[in-house]
Amino acid sequence: MVSKKEQRRAATFIAERLEQAEFYEILRKDDTTVVVREKYDDDGEVLKTIQVVIPNVSGTIEDFEQDYRTSRQQGLYVAPVLYKDGKTAFVRMVERNPSWRREKSLKNYTSQQINRMLHLRGIEKAVMGHFGDDLLYYQPETADLQESLRRFELGSVDLDYSHLSPGDSGYGFATDRASVDYKLPEEAATIVGAARFTFADRQPDYLRRAWLVGLDK
């Protein structure tokens, strides 16, 4: 369980990254949300207001979906950042599924790859449904990792059921496919300094999606 103090620290860290960029005015910050507005227009465009949310500590999946719809209706862009706590997000498959060693459908992967696989939580799937397979996580400081924002590309995990034969349980129903629950993460970027937003480059504009990236990206 992510404490209120930890939530506040995550929101503060995100706000500090945006303030450091000097492109945004902080309008509001609480335990799970940071709302900013652009300071400068781009060729006369309306200044965007962006709401950064930490959905895995701010409520249910339904809360996230409703808040996202409401924010879009209000003209806000939304940028999700998940809290990387290993319990409500970024959960290792080997910890979630104690019987994984008997999971023959993963036979095409090395033990090192299996150890890295994630078992997605519902909130991660909900975010991916709107924002794609690249997710941004807030990394609290640990003995091994510095406080940061880390972007991961969540690669497909392909299940192979070729080991099943007629008479085996599940034969005739199991089909080779990409797993809905398992993903193989590859770290794509780490943000420790100033950050800015990028926006969806395709219509319809009402999707109002935004992504946090390092200032030099």
C-alpha atoms as a PDB file:
ATOM      1  CA  MET A   1       0.000   0.000   0.000  1.00  0.00           C
ATOM      2  CA  VAL A   2       1.406   3.366  -1.050  1.00  0.00           C
ATOM      3  CA  SER A   3       1.139   5.757   1.891  1.00  0.00           C
ATOM      4  CA  LYS A   4      -0.134   9.330   1.622  1.00  0.00           C
ATOM      5  CA  LYS A   5       3.389  10.565   2.300  1.00  0.00           C
ATOM      6  CA  GLU A   6       4.732   8.465  -0.575  1.00  0.00           C
ATOM      7  CA  GLN A   7       1.951   9.668  -2.870  1.00  0.00           C
ATOM      8  CA  ARG A   8       2.718  13.289  -2.024  1.00  0.00           C
ATOM      9  CA  ARG A   9       6.408  12.746  -2.719  1.00  0.00           C
ATOM     10  CA  ALA A  10       5.613  11.247  -6.143  1.00  0.00           C
ATOM     11  CA  ALA A  11       3.372  14.208  -7.066  1.00  0.00           C
ATOM     12  CA  THR A  12       5.978  16.664  -5.797  1.00  0.00           C
ATOM     13  CA  PHE A  13       8.741  14.998  -7.806  1.00  0.00           C
ATOM     14  CA  ILE A  14       6.657  15.208 -10.980  1.00  0.00           C
ATOM     15  CA  ALA A  15       5.812  18.867 -10.328  1.00  0.00           C
ATOM     16  CA  GLU A  16       9.492  19.667  -9.743  1.00  0.00           C
ATOM     17  CA  ARG A  17      10.455  18.100 -13.079  1.00  0.00           C
ATOM     18  CA  LEU A  18       7.895  20.291 -14.852  1.00  0.00           C
ATOM     19  CA  GLU A  19       8.856  23.450 -12.955  1.00  0.00           C
ATOM     20  CA  GLN A  20      12.484  22.832 -13.855  1.00  0.00           C
ATOM     21  CA  ALA A  21      11.554  22.934 -17.552  1.00  0.00           C
ATOM     22  CA  GLU A  22      10.129  26.460 -17.065  1.00  0.00           C
ATOM     23  CA  PHE A  23       7.456  25.860 -19.718  1.00  0.00           C
ATOM     24  CA  TYR A  24       4.549  25.348 -17.338  1.00  0.00           C
ATOM     25  CA  GLU A  25       2.647  27.054 -14.557  1.00  0.00           C
ATOM     26  CA  ILE A  26       1.568  24.766 -11.707  1.00  0.00           C
ATOM     27  CA  LEU A  27      -2.153  25.295 -11.159  1.00  0.00           C
ATOM     28  CA  ARG A  28      -2.820  22.564  -8.614  1.00  0.00           C
ATOM     29  CA  LYS A  29      -1.037  19.691  -6.881  1.00  0.00           C
ATOM     30  CA  ASP A  30      -2.367  17.125  -4.445  1.00  0.00           C
ATOM     31  CA  ASP A  31      -1.437  13.578  -3.472  1.00  0.00           C
ATOM     32  CA  THR A  32      -2.240  11.991  -6.834  1.00  0.00           C
ATOM     33  CA  THR A  33      -2.637  14.821  -9.352  1.00  0.00           C
ATOM     34  CA  VAL A  34      -0.594  17.661 -10.815  1.00  0.00           C
ATOM     35  CA  VAL A  35      -2.346  20.177 -13.081  1.00  0.00           C
ATOM     36  CA  VAL A  36      -0.261  22.593 -15.150  1.00  0.00           C
ATOM     37  CA  ARG A  37      -0.815  25.101 -17.934  1.00  0.00           C
ATOM     38  CA  GLU A  38       1.574  26.012 -20.694  1.00  0.00           C
ATOM     39  CA  LYS A  39       3.189  29.424 -20.306  1.00  0.00           C
ATOM     40  CA  TYR A  40       3.836  30.057 -23.983  1.00  0.00           C
ATOM     41  CA  ASP A  41       1.637  29.545 -27.001  1.00  0.00           C
ATOM     42  CA  ASP A  42       2.849  27.883 -30.186  1.00  0.00           C
ATOM     43  CA  ASP A  43       2.023  29.929 -33.265  1.00  0.00           C
ATOM     44  CA  GLY A  44      -1.050  31.381 -31.623  1.00  0.00           C
ATOM     45  CA  GLU A  45      -2.477  28.058 -30.405  1.00  0.00           C
ATOM     46  CA  VAL A  46      -4.557  27.970 -27.240  1.00  0.00           C
ATOM     47  CA  LEU A  47      -2.428  27.226 -24.174  1.00  0.00           C
ATOM     48  CA  LYS A  48      -2.926  23.621 -23.148  1.00  0.00           C
ATOM     49  CA  THR A  49      -3.818  22.583 -19.611  1.00  0.00           C
ATOM     50  CA  ILE A  50      -2.477  19.160 -18.676  1.00  0.00           C
ATOM     51  CA  GLN A  51      -3.445  16.934 -15.776  1.00  0.00           C
ATOM     52  CA  VAL A  52      -0.890  14.376 -14.614  1.00  0.00           C
ATOM     53  CA  VAL A  53      -2.574  11.519 -12.758  1.00  0.00           C
ATOM     54  CA  ILE A  54      -1.200   8.594 -10.727  1.00  0.00           C
ATOM     55  CA  PRO A  55      -4.055   6.172 -11.356  1.00  0.00           C
ATOM     56  CA  ASN A  56      -2.928   3.120  -9.384  1.00  0.00           C
ATOM     57  CA  VAL A  57      -3.009   5.004  -6.069  1.00  0.00           C
ATOM     58  CA  SER A  58      -5.934   7.356  -6.710  1.00  0.00           C
ATOM     59  CA  GLY A  59      -8.890   4.972  -6.885  1.00  0.00           C
ATOM     60  CA  THR A  60     -10.365   2.164  -8.929  1.00  0.00           C
ATOM     61  CA  ILE A  61     -10.180   1.416 -12.642  1.00  0.00           C
ATOM     62  CA  GLU A  62     -13.683   2.862 -12.949  1.00  0.00           C
ATOM     63  CA  ASP A  63     -12.473   6.052 -11.208  1.00  0.00           C
ATOM     64  CA  PHE A  64      -9.653   6.378 -13.745  1.00  0.00           C
ATOM     65  CA  GLU A  65     -11.995   5.863 -16.695  1.00  0.00           C
ATOM     66  CA  GLN A  66     -14.512   8.373 -15.365  1.00  0.00           C
ATOM     67  CA  ASP A  67     -11.865  10.946 -14.467  1.00  0.00           C
ATOM     68  CA  TYR A  68     -10.307  10.606 -17.921  1.00  0.00           C
ATOM     69  CA  ARG A  69     -13.664  11.170 -19.624  1.00  0.00           C
ATOM     70  CA  THR A  70     -14.440  14.141 -17.380  1.00  0.00           C
ATOM     71  CA  SER A  71     -11.021  15.719 -17.953  1.00  0.00           C
ATOM     72  CA  ARG A  72     -11.385  15.419 -21.734  1.00  0.00           C
ATOM     73  CA  GLN A  73     -14.828  16.995 -21.585  1.00  0.00           C
ATOM     74  CA  GLN A  74     -13.315  19.897 -19.635  1.00  0.00           C
ATOM     75  CA  GLY A  75     -10.654  20.375 -22.311  1.00  0.00           C
ATOM     76  CA  LEU A  76      -7.794  19.000 -20.193  1.00  0.00           C
ATOM     77  CA  TYR A  77      -5.047  16.827 -21.591  1.00  0.00           C
ATOM     78  CA  VAL A  78      -4.255  13.792 -19.420  1.00  0.00           C
ATOM     79  CA  ALA A  79      -0.829  12.248 -18.780  1.00  0.00           C
ATOM     80  CA  PRO A  80      -0.738   9.087 -16.615  1.00  0.00           C
ATOM     81  CA  VAL A  81       2.199   8.116 -14.398  1.00  0.00           C
ATOM     82  CA  LEU A  82       1.982   4.841 -12.478  1.00  0.00           C
ATOM     83  CA  TYR A  83       3.568   4.421  -9.056  1.00  0.00           C
ATOM     84  CA  LYS A  84       6.134   1.602  -9.364  1.00  0.00           C
ATOM     85  CA  ASP A  85       5.499  -0.196  -6.086  1.00  0.00           C
ATOM     86  CA  GLY A  86       5.545  -3.819  -7.284  1.00  0.00           C
ATOM     87  CA  LYS A  87       2.088  -4.446  -5.827  1.00  0.00           C
ATOM     88  CA  THR A  88      -0.469  -2.259  -7.593  1.00  0.00           C
ATOM     89  CA  ALA A  89       1.713  -1.798 -10.687  1.00  0.00           C
ATOM     90  CA  PHE A  90       4.883  -3.301 -12.154  1.00  0.00           C
ATOM     91  CA  VAL A  91       4.247  -6.681 -10.545  1.00  0.00           C
ATOM     92  CA  ARG A  92       6.693  -9.437 -11.454  1.00  0.00           C
ATOM     93  CA  MET A  93       4.999 -12.472 -12.948  1.00  0.00           C
ATOM     94  CA  VAL A  94       7.181 -14.871 -10.960  1.00  0.00           C
ATOM     95  CA  GLU A  95       5.921 -13.303  -7.730  1.00  0.00           C
ATOM     96  CA  ARG A  96       2.295 -13.210  -8.809  1.00  0.00           C
ATOM     97  CA  ASN A  97       2.224 -16.740 -10.253  1.00  0.00           C
ATOM     98  CA  PRO A  98       4.056 -19.240  -7.987  1.00  0.00           C
ATOM     99  CA  SER A  99       3.390 -22.077 -10.463  1.00  0.00           C
ATOM    100  CA  TRP A 100       5.141 -20.365 -13.379  1.00  0.00           C
ATOM    101  CA  ARG A 101       7.839 -23.061 -13.509  1.00  0.00           C
ATOM    102  CA  ARG A 102       5.186 -25.479 -14.708  1.00  0.00           C
ATOM    103  CA  GLU A 103       3.962 -22.996 -17.337  1.00  0.00           C
ATOM    104  CA  LYS A 104       5.159 -24.767 -20.489  1.00  0.00           C
ATOM    105  CA  SER A 105       3.553 -22.169 -22.747  1.00  0.00           C
ATOM    106  CA  LEU A 106       6.544 -19.913 -21.894  1.00  0.00           C
ATOM    107  CA  LYS A 107       9.073 -22.459 -23.153  1.00  0.00           C
ATOM    108  CA  ASN A 108      10.362 -20.100 -25.865  1.00  0.00           C
ATOM    109  CA  TYR A 109      11.702 -17.676 -23.251  1.00  0.00           C
ATOM    110  CA  THR A 110      14.855 -17.886 -21.163  1.00  0.00           C
ATOM    111  CA  SER A 111      14.701 -17.979 -17.377  1.00  0.00           C
ATOM    112  CA  GLN A 112      16.160 -14.462 -17.341  1.00  0.00           C
ATOM    113  CA  GLN A 113      13.350 -13.187 -19.568  1.00  0.00           C
ATOM    114  CA  ILE A 114      10.725 -14.957 -17.461  1.00  0.00           C
ATOM    115  CA  ASN A 115      12.144 -13.384 -14.313  1.00  0.00           C
ATOM    116  CA  ARG A 116      11.656  -9.954 -15.914  1.00  0.00           C
ATOM    117  CA  MET A 117       8.098 -10.534 -17.118  1.00  0.00           C
ATOM    118  CA  LEU A 118       5.278  -8.491 -15.615  1.00  0.00           C
ATOM    119  CA  HIS A 119       1.831  -9.705 -14.653  1.00  0.00           C
ATOM    120  CA  LEU A 120      -0.247  -6.661 -15.575  1.00  0.00           C
ATOM    121  CA  ARG A 121      -2.710  -5.283 -13.080  1.00  0.00           C
ATOM    122  CA  GLY A 122      -6.101  -4.085 -14.257  1.00  0.00           C
ATOM    123  CA  ILE A 123      -5.192  -0.420 -13.973  1.00  0.00           C
ATOM    124  CA  GLU A 124      -2.156  -0.904 -16.227  1.00  0.00           C
ATOM    125  CA  LYS A 125      -4.359  -2.559 -18.846  1.00  0.00           C
ATOM    126  CA  ALA A 126      -6.816   0.332 -18.598  1.00  0.00           C
ATOM    127  CA  VAL A 127      -4.061   2.909 -19.120  1.00  0.00           C
ATOM    128  CA  MET A 128      -2.631   0.931 -22.030  1.00  0.00           C
ATOM    129  CA  GLY A 129      -6.074   0.809 -23.605  1.00  0.00           C
ATOM    130  CA  HIS A 130      -5.950   4.593 -23.994  1.00  0.00           C
ATOM    131  CA  PHE A 131      -2.230   5.412 -24.144  1.00  0.00           C
ATOM    132  CA  GLY A 132      -0.539   2.419 -25.774  1.00  0.00           C
ATOM    133  CA  ASP A 133       2.142  -0.069 -24.747  1.00  0.00           C
ATOM    134  CA  ASP A 134       4.676   2.445 -23.405  1.00  0.00           C
ATOM    135  CA  LEU A 135       4.008   3.199 -19.748  1.00  0.00           C
ATOM    136  CA  LEU A 136       5.678   5.749 -17.502  1.00  0.00           C
ATOM    137  CA  TYR A 137       6.335   4.850 -13.866  1.00  0.00           C
ATOM    138  CA  TYR A 138       7.412   6.906 -10.878  1.00  0.00           C
ATOM    139  CA  GLN A 139      10.378   5.125  -9.292  1.00  0.00           C
ATOM    140  CA  PRO A 140      10.789   5.926  -5.579  1.00  0.00           C
ATOM    141  CA  GLU A 141      14.335   5.980  -4.266  1.00  0.00           C
ATOM    142  CA  THR A 142      15.644   2.579  -3.196  1.00  0.00           C
ATOM    143  CA  ALA A 143      19.016   1.181  -2.196  1.00  0.00           C
ATOM    144  CA  ASP A 144      19.688   0.420  -5.864  1.00  0.00           C
ATOM    145  CA  LEU A 145      17.657   2.968  -7.835  1.00  0.00           C
ATOM    146  CA  GLN A 146      17.465   6.745  -7.687  1.00  0.00           C
ATOM    147  CA  GLU A 147      14.191   8.605  -7.605  1.00  0.00           C
ATOM    148  CA  SER A 148      13.110   9.073 -11.192  1.00  0.00           C
ATOM    149  CA  LEU A 149      10.473   8.638 -13.867  1.00  0.00           C
ATOM    150  CA  ARG A 150      11.069   5.517 -15.951  1.00  0.00           C
ATOM    151  CA  ARG A 151       9.439   4.676 -19.257  1.00  0.00           C
ATOM    152  CA  PHE A 152       9.065   1.032 -20.218  1.00  0.00           C
ATOM    153  CA  GLU A 153       8.080  -0.465 -23.536  1.00  0.00           C
ATOM    154  CA  LEU A 154       5.900  -3.454 -22.672  1.00  0.00           C
ATOM    155  CA  GLY A 155       6.648  -6.093 -25.254  1.00  0.00           C
ATOM    156  CA  SER A 156       4.349  -8.938 -26.196  1.00  0.00           C
ATOM    157  CA  VAL A 157       4.717 -12.348 -24.534  1.00  0.00           C
ATOM    158  CA  ASP A 158       3.690 -15.063 -26.987  1.00  0.00           C
ATOM    159  CA  LEU A 159       2.251 -18.230 -25.492  1.00  0.00           C
ATOM    160  CA  ASP A 160       3.113 -21.509 -27.229  1.00  0.00           C
ATOM    161  CA  TYR A 161       0.856 -24.508 -26.597  1.00  0.00           C
ATOM    162  CA  SER A 162       2.592 -26.908 -28.990  1.00  0.00           C
ATOM    163  CA  HIS A 163       3.353 -29.193 -26.033  1.00  0.00           C
ATOM    164  CA  LEU A 164      -0.331 -30.181 -25.787  1.00  0.00           C
ATOM    165  CA  SER A 165      -1.489 -33.381 -27.459  1.00  0.00           C
ATOM    166  CA  PRO A 166      -4.916 -34.967 -27.965  1.00  0.00           C
ATOM    167  CA  GLY A 167      -6.190 -36.039 -24.582  1.00  0.00           C
ATOM    168  CA  ASP A 168      -4.306 -33.319 -22.676  1.00  0.00           C
ATOM    169  CA  SER A 169      -6.356 -30.938 -20.592  1.00  0.00           C
ATOM    170  CA  GLY A 170      -7.064 -27.815 -22.642  1.00  0.00           C
ATOM    171  CA  TYR A 171      -6.222 -29.402 -25.990  1.00  0.00           C
ATOM    172  CA  GLY A 172      -8.587 -28.070 -28.645  1.00  0.00           C
ATOM    173  CA  PHE A 173      -9.140 -24.828 -26.739  1.00  0.00           C
ATOM    174  CA  ALA A 174      -5.622 -23.532 -26.160  1.00  0.00           C
ATOM    175  CA  THR A 175      -4.279 -21.561 -29.107  1.00  0.00           C
ATOM    176  CA  ASP A 176      -0.924 -19.918 -29.601  1.00  0.00           C
ATOM    177  CA  ARG A 177      -1.463 -16.235 -28.884  1.00  0.00           C
ATOM    178  CA  ALA A 178      -0.097 -13.132 -27.256  1.00  0.00           C
ATOM    179  CA  SER A 179      -0.711 -13.150 -23.525  1.00  0.00           C
ATOM    180  CA  VAL A 180      -3.256 -10.674 -22.213  1.00  0.00           C
ATOM    181  CA  ASP A 181      -1.683 -10.604 -18.756  1.00  0.00           C
ATOM    182  CA  TYR A 182       2.058 -11.032 -19.278  1.00  0.00           C
ATOM    183  CA  LYS A 183       4.380  -8.411 -20.757  1.00  0.00           C
ATOM    184  CA  LEU A 184       8.143  -8.222 -21.164  1.00  0.00           C
ATOM    185  CA  PRO A 185       9.362  -4.755 -20.136  1.00  0.00           C
ATOM    186  CA  GLU A 186      12.273  -2.971 -21.773  1.00  0.00           C
ATOM    187  CA  GLU A 187      13.367   0.269 -20.154  1.00  0.00           C
ATOM    188  CA  ALA A 188      13.299   2.985 -22.803  1.00  0.00           C
ATOM    189  CA  ALA A 189      14.067   6.188 -20.867  1.00  0.00           C
ATOM    190  CA  THR A 190      14.833   7.555 -17.417  1.00  0.00           C
ATOM    191  CA  ILE A 191      13.928  11.099 -16.373  1.00  0.00           C
ATOM    192  CA  VAL A 192      15.760  12.632 -13.424  1.00  0.00           C
ATOM    193  CA  GLY A 193      15.852  16.250 -14.572  1.00  0.00           C
ATOM    194  CA  ALA A 194      13.497  18.611 -16.350  1.00  0.00           C
ATOM    195  CA  ALA A 195      10.529  17.129 -18.204  1.00  0.00           C
ATOM    196  CA  ARG A 196       8.062  18.329 -20.810  1.00  0.00           C
ATOM    197  CA  PHE A 197       4.953  16.998 -22.532  1.00  0.00           C
ATOM    198  CA  THR A 198       4.398  15.566 -25.964  1.00  0.00           C
ATOM    199  CA  PHE A 199       0.905  15.163 -27.364  1.00  0.00           C
ATOM    200  CA  ALA A 200      -1.042  12.779 -29.574  1.00  0.00           C
ATOM    201  CA  ASP A 201      -0.314  13.605 -33.199  1.00  0.00           C
ATOM    202  CA  ARG A 202      -3.480  12.201 -34.667  1.00  0.00           C
ATOM    203  CA  GLN A 203      -7.161  13.020 -34.493  1.00  0.00           C
ATOM    204  CA  PRO A 204      -9.671  13.059 -32.936  1.00  0.00           C
ATOM    205  CA  ASP A 205      -8.369  15.767 -30.655  1.00  0.00           C
ATOM    206  CA  TYR A 206     -10.940  14.943 -27.961  1.00  0.00           C
ATOM    207  CA  LEU A 207      -8.739  12.002 -26.867  1.00  0.00           C
ATOM    208  CA  ARG A 208      -6.577  14.654 -25.149  1.00  0.00           C
ATOM    209  CA  ARG A 209      -3.607  12.399 -24.496  1.00  0.00           C
ATOM    210  CA  ALA A 210      -0.219  13.639 -23.263  1.00  0.00           C
ATOM    211  CA  TRP A 211       3.067  11.967 -22.384  1.00  0.00           C
ATOM    212  CA  LEU A 212       5.887  13.127 -20.129  1.00  0.00           C
ATOM    213  CA  VAL A 213       9.383  12.934 -21.624  1.00  0.00           C
ATOM    214  CA  GLY A 214      12.789  14.242 -20.671  1.00  0.00           C
ATOM    215  CA  LEU A 215      13.415  17.817 -21.776  1.00  0.00           C
ATOM    216  CA  ASP A 216      16.185  16.777 -24.139  1.00  0.00           C
ATOM    217  CA  LYS A 217      13.929  14.282 -25.990  1.00  0.00           C
END
